[in-house]
Amino acid sequence: MTAPLLYVCVRPQQGAAAAEYHSFRTAMRLDEADLAQHDLVREPLPDGVFERCSGFLIGGSPFNVTDPESTKTDVQRRLEADLERIATECAPSTRADAPAALFTCYGIGIVTRLLGGTVSRAYPENTGPVTIELGPDAGSDALFGGLATRFTALTAHKEGAALTPPGATLLAENAECPVQAYRVGDRLYATQFHPEPTGEAFTERMAVYRDDGYFAANDYDLIAGRVRAASITEPVRLLRSFARMFGPVSV
């Protein structure tokens, strides 16, 4: 039998979550048996998940790490604790068979906070295409080393970080949000940008969150046009490298 990758849903909106799962699976060229899914919003992590899965893909969410604790629901608190469990399990370990993980968007804040870094509302990015620049250590990285040194990716977030957290290696950055991607050890990765959606899929996600404060609702058509016109090639290559390195393996 094989150990699949696991897409971990952290979006309360089930339609958006289903579309995000499809985007990950399509980008990585995996079938449903090789990319399983778990709805962490509605169910805690199941027992034995770290032994059954070769790696984890953490999707985005309208939640924010910097949401005041007084406003967080019990679901968000439990969800964040489970995400920290995944990050801890995939961080540097003496286990040769430890799983890997890629945390995206909201997820990078979870890992940054867990490692003792600072997440704030000082580094948001507008919804749509942005330019990502690889850092000096990216060239020797197993996932980022084959990417163009400058590329376009899609973002939409309200928080970010100025510095990589302790123990992390910066892999990508830009002026608006200085920490766009980093690695911890050799199995834990985090990106601020979304690596999985096509332009069309991203515009459909924008429609779901049109009134959630990521952009002015009246600007939807203008922003969607920019997204559809953007050439987005490197993030997909990143995901395919992750699938090749950490995807389904014989157990």
Protein backbone atom coordinates (compact mmCIF):
# COMPACT_ATOMS: atom_id res chain seq x y z
CA MET A 1 0.00 0.00 0.00
CA THR A 2 1.06 3.65 -0.30
CA ALA A 3 1.01 6.61 2.07
CA PRO A 4 -0.79 9.55 0.43
CA LEU A 5 -0.31 13.24 0.87
CA LEU A 6 -3.08 14.89 2.88
CA TYR A 7 -4.75 18.19 2.00
CA VAL A 8 -5.84 19.82 5.26
CA CYS A 9 -8.84 22.11 4.85
CA VAL A 10 -8.93 25.16 7.13
CA ARG A 11 -11.66 27.06 5.28
CA PRO A 12 -15.18 27.17 6.80
CA GLN A 13 -16.61 27.75 3.30
CA GLN A 14 -16.95 24.22 1.95
CA GLY A 15 -17.28 25.29 -1.69
CA ALA A 16 -14.03 27.24 -1.55
CA ALA A 17 -12.34 24.35 0.24
CA ALA A 18 -13.46 21.84 -2.40
CA ALA A 19 -12.12 24.11 -5.14
CA GLU A 20 -8.82 24.56 -3.31
CA TYR A 21 -8.40 20.80 -2.96
CA HIS A 22 -9.07 20.42 -6.69
CA SER A 23 -6.48 23.11 -7.45
CA PHE A 24 -3.82 21.34 -5.38
CA ARG A 25 -4.61 17.97 -6.91
CA THR A 26 -4.61 19.31 -10.47
CA ALA A 27 -1.40 21.31 -10.00
CA MET A 28 0.41 18.29 -8.53
CA ARG A 29 -1.05 15.84 -11.06
CA LEU A 30 -2.28 13.50 -8.33
CA ASP A 31 -5.43 11.44 -8.21
CA GLU A 32 -7.77 11.28 -5.23
CA ALA A 33 -6.04 8.20 -3.82
CA ASP A 34 -2.68 9.99 -3.76
CA LEU A 35 -4.00 13.26 -2.30
CA ALA A 36 -6.45 12.55 0.49
CA GLN A 37 -8.32 15.34 2.27
CA HIS A 38 -9.37 16.17 5.82
CA ASP A 39 -11.71 18.96 6.94
CA LEU A 40 -9.96 20.34 10.00
CA VAL A 41 -12.67 22.94 10.54
CA ARG A 42 -15.20 20.25 11.33
CA GLU A 43 -13.07 17.36 12.58
CA PRO A 44 -9.85 17.28 14.65
CA LEU A 45 -6.82 15.46 13.35
CA PRO A 46 -7.51 11.72 13.45
CA ASP A 47 -5.35 9.34 15.45
CA GLY A 48 -2.44 7.84 13.54
CA VAL A 49 -2.48 10.46 10.79
CA PHE A 50 1.29 11.04 10.98
CA GLU A 51 1.96 7.36 10.36
CA ARG A 52 -0.56 7.09 7.52
CA CYS A 53 0.45 10.14 5.44
CA SER A 54 3.70 10.99 3.69
CA GLY A 55 3.08 14.73 3.84
CA PHE A 56 0.60 17.54 4.47
CA LEU A 57 -0.65 20.47 2.40
CA ILE A 58 -2.21 23.25 4.44
CA GLY A 59 -4.56 25.49 2.48
CA GLY A 60 -5.56 29.10 3.09
CA SER A 61 -8.27 30.44 5.36
CA PRO A 62 -10.18 33.60 6.26
CA PHE A 63 -8.86 33.08 9.81
CA ASN A 64 -5.86 35.13 10.91
CA VAL A 65 -3.20 34.30 13.49
CA THR A 66 -3.42 37.92 14.63
CA ASP A 67 -7.16 37.79 15.27
CA PRO A 68 -7.66 38.92 18.91
CA GLU A 69 -7.91 35.88 21.15
CA SER A 70 -11.19 37.21 22.50
CA THR A 71 -12.73 36.94 19.02
CA LYS A 72 -11.44 33.48 18.16
CA THR A 73 -13.98 30.70 18.28
CA ASP A 74 -13.34 27.35 19.92
CA VAL A 75 -13.08 25.91 16.40
CA GLN A 76 -10.32 28.33 15.41
CA ARG A 77 -8.36 27.70 18.61
CA ARG A 78 -8.60 23.92 18.20
CA LEU A 79 -7.72 24.18 14.51
CA GLU A 80 -4.63 26.26 15.24
CA ALA A 81 -3.49 23.77 17.88
CA ASP A 82 -3.83 20.92 15.37
CA LEU A 83 -1.86 22.86 12.75
CA GLU A 84 0.89 23.38 15.31
CA ARG A 85 0.92 19.61 15.88
CA ILE A 86 1.51 19.07 12.16
CA ALA A 87 4.30 21.66 12.05
CA THR A 88 5.98 20.17 15.12
CA GLU A 89 5.84 16.67 13.67
CA CYS A 90 7.40 17.81 10.38
CA ALA A 91 10.07 20.10 11.83
CA PRO A 92 13.63 18.77 12.25
CA SER A 93 13.36 15.33 13.76
CA THR A 94 15.44 12.28 14.45
CA ARG A 95 12.77 10.23 12.71
CA ALA A 96 14.00 9.22 9.28
CA ASP A 97 10.41 8.63 8.19
CA ALA A 98 8.97 11.95 9.45
CA PRO A 99 6.33 13.39 7.09
CA ALA A 100 6.76 16.65 5.19
CA ALA A 101 4.49 19.68 5.14
CA LEU A 102 3.79 22.77 3.06
CA PHE A 103 1.87 25.49 4.92
CA THR A 104 0.40 28.24 2.71
CA CYS A 105 -0.95 31.75 3.38
CA TYR A 106 -2.68 31.61 6.81
CA GLY A 107 -0.55 28.58 7.60
CA ILE A 108 2.77 30.45 7.40
CA GLY A 109 1.57 32.57 10.31
CA ILE A 110 0.91 29.44 12.37
CA VAL A 111 4.44 28.16 11.81
CA THR A 112 6.03 31.58 12.38
CA ARG A 113 4.27 31.99 15.72
CA LEU A 114 5.10 28.42 16.77
CA LEU A 115 8.81 29.04 16.13
CA GLY A 116 8.81 32.25 18.15
CA GLY A 117 8.56 34.72 15.29
CA THR A 118 6.30 37.76 15.05
CA VAL A 119 3.22 37.98 12.85
CA SER A 120 1.52 41.36 12.46
CA ARG A 121 -0.95 43.31 10.36
CA ALA A 122 1.90 45.48 9.07
CA TYR A 123 2.55 43.39 5.94
CA PRO A 124 -0.69 42.73 4.07
CA GLU A 125 -0.79 42.36 0.29
CA ASN A 126 -3.51 43.31 -2.12
CA THR A 127 -5.50 40.56 -3.77
CA GLY A 128 -4.00 39.55 -7.10
CA PRO A 129 -0.65 38.93 -8.80
CA VAL A 130 2.61 40.00 -7.12
CA THR A 131 6.29 39.57 -7.93
CA ILE A 132 8.21 37.08 -5.80
CA GLU A 133 12.01 37.21 -5.56
CA LEU A 134 14.08 34.22 -4.46
CA GLY A 135 16.60 34.74 -1.68
CA PRO A 136 20.29 33.73 -1.70
CA ASP A 137 19.60 30.35 -0.08
CA ALA A 138 16.90 29.35 -2.56
CA GLY A 139 19.32 28.20 -5.24
CA SER A 140 20.45 25.21 -3.20
CA ASP A 141 16.99 24.32 -1.94
CA ALA A 142 15.43 21.08 -3.16
CA LEU A 143 12.09 22.73 -4.03
CA PHE A 144 12.98 26.32 -4.89
CA GLY A 145 16.32 25.71 -6.59
CA GLY A 146 14.85 25.06 -10.01
CA LEU A 147 12.53 28.08 -10.08
CA ALA A 148 13.06 31.39 -11.86
CA THR A 149 14.68 33.93 -9.54
CA ARG A 150 11.71 36.30 -10.09
CA PHE A 151 8.21 35.07 -10.77
CA THR A 152 4.55 35.96 -10.40
CA ALA A 153 2.31 34.42 -7.75
CA LEU A 154 -1.13 35.15 -6.32
CA THR A 155 -1.71 36.59 -2.88
CA ALA A 156 -4.53 37.86 -0.66
CA HIS A 157 -3.74 38.27 3.01
CA LYS A 158 -4.09 40.67 5.93
CA GLU A 159 -1.02 39.73 7.97
CA GLY A 160 2.61 38.79 7.49
CA ALA A 161 6.10 38.88 8.95
CA ALA A 162 9.15 41.12 8.59
CA LEU A 163 11.67 38.48 9.61
CA THR A 164 11.96 34.72 9.33
CA PRO A 165 11.35 32.98 12.64
CA PRO A 166 14.22 31.39 14.60
CA GLY A 167 15.54 28.26 12.91
CA ALA A 168 14.05 29.03 9.49
CA THR A 169 15.87 29.65 6.19
CA LEU A 170 14.42 32.45 4.06
CA LEU A 171 13.73 31.33 0.50
CA ALA A 172 11.60 34.08 -1.06
CA GLU A 173 10.64 37.69 -0.40
CA ASN A 174 9.32 40.94 -1.85
CA ALA A 175 9.08 44.55 -0.75
CA GLU A 176 5.47 44.45 0.41
CA CYS A 177 5.80 41.30 2.54
CA PRO A 178 9.44 40.50 3.37
CA VAL A 179 8.85 36.85 4.23
CA GLN A 180 7.24 35.04 1.28
CA ALA A 181 8.65 31.56 1.86
CA TYR A 182 10.98 29.68 4.16
CA ARG A 183 12.13 26.19 5.10
CA VAL A 184 12.63 24.62 8.50
CA GLY A 185 14.93 21.60 8.42
CA ASP A 186 14.42 19.71 5.19
CA ARG A 187 10.75 18.73 5.41
CA LEU A 188 8.80 21.78 6.60
CA TYR A 189 8.04 24.57 4.12
CA ALA A 190 5.82 27.64 4.34
CA THR A 191 4.72 30.16 1.71
CA GLN A 192 2.83 33.41 2.11
CA PHE A 193 1.65 33.27 -1.51
CA HIS A 194 -0.83 30.74 -2.84
CA PRO A 195 1.02 28.17 -4.99
CA GLU A 196 -1.97 26.13 -6.17
CA PRO A 197 -4.63 28.14 -8.04
CA THR A 198 -4.83 28.99 -11.70
CA GLY A 199 -5.94 32.53 -12.47
CA GLU A 200 -9.48 31.38 -13.16
CA ALA A 201 -9.66 29.35 -9.94
CA PHE A 202 -8.39 32.34 -7.99
CA THR A 203 -11.11 34.62 -9.39
CA GLU A 204 -13.73 32.08 -8.31
CA ARG A 205 -12.24 32.14 -4.80
CA MET A 206 -12.31 35.94 -4.90
CA ALA A 207 -16.05 35.78 -5.53
CA VAL A 208 -16.55 33.73 -2.36
CA TYR A 209 -14.63 36.26 -0.24
CA ARG A 210 -15.80 39.36 -2.10
CA ASP A 211 -17.25 40.96 1.03
CA ASP A 212 -14.57 39.82 3.51
CA GLY A 213 -12.33 42.87 3.34
CA TYR A 214 -9.56 41.57 1.08
CA PHE A 215 -10.45 44.09 -1.62
CA ALA A 216 -13.19 46.59 -2.42
CA ALA A 217 -16.15 44.58 -3.70
CA ASN A 218 -16.71 47.04 -6.53
CA ASP A 219 -13.17 46.36 -7.79
CA TYR A 220 -13.83 42.66 -8.39
CA ASP A 221 -13.94 42.85 -12.19
CA LEU A 222 -10.80 45.00 -12.40
CA ILE A 223 -8.78 42.72 -10.12
CA ALA A 224 -10.13 39.57 -11.74
CA GLY A 225 -8.96 40.88 -15.11
CA ARG A 226 -5.44 41.36 -13.75
CA VAL A 227 -5.44 37.87 -12.28
CA ARG A 228 -6.58 36.23 -15.52
CA ALA A 229 -3.93 38.14 -17.51
CA ALA A 230 -1.05 37.14 -15.22
CA SER A 231 1.43 34.46 -16.28
CA ILE A 232 1.70 32.11 -13.30
CA THR A 233 4.11 29.25 -13.98
CA GLU A 234 6.59 28.79 -11.13
CA PRO A 235 4.25 28.10 -8.17
CA VAL A 236 2.91 25.02 -9.95
CA ARG A 237 6.46 23.78 -10.52
CA LEU A 238 7.07 24.19 -6.80
CA LEU A 239 4.10 21.97 -5.99
CA ARG A 240 5.14 19.30 -8.48
CA SER A 241 8.59 19.20 -6.89
CA PHE A 242 6.96 18.75 -3.49
CA ALA A 243 4.86 15.88 -4.86
CA ARG A 244 7.90 14.19 -6.39
CA MET A 245 9.95 14.51 -3.23
CA PHE A 246 7.35 13.81 -0.56
CA GLY A 247 4.40 12.30 -2.37
CA PRO A 248 2.92 8.81 -2.09
CA VAL A 249 5.51 6.25 -1.09
CA SER A 250 5.38 2.51 -0.47
CA VAL A 251 4.84 1.52 3.15
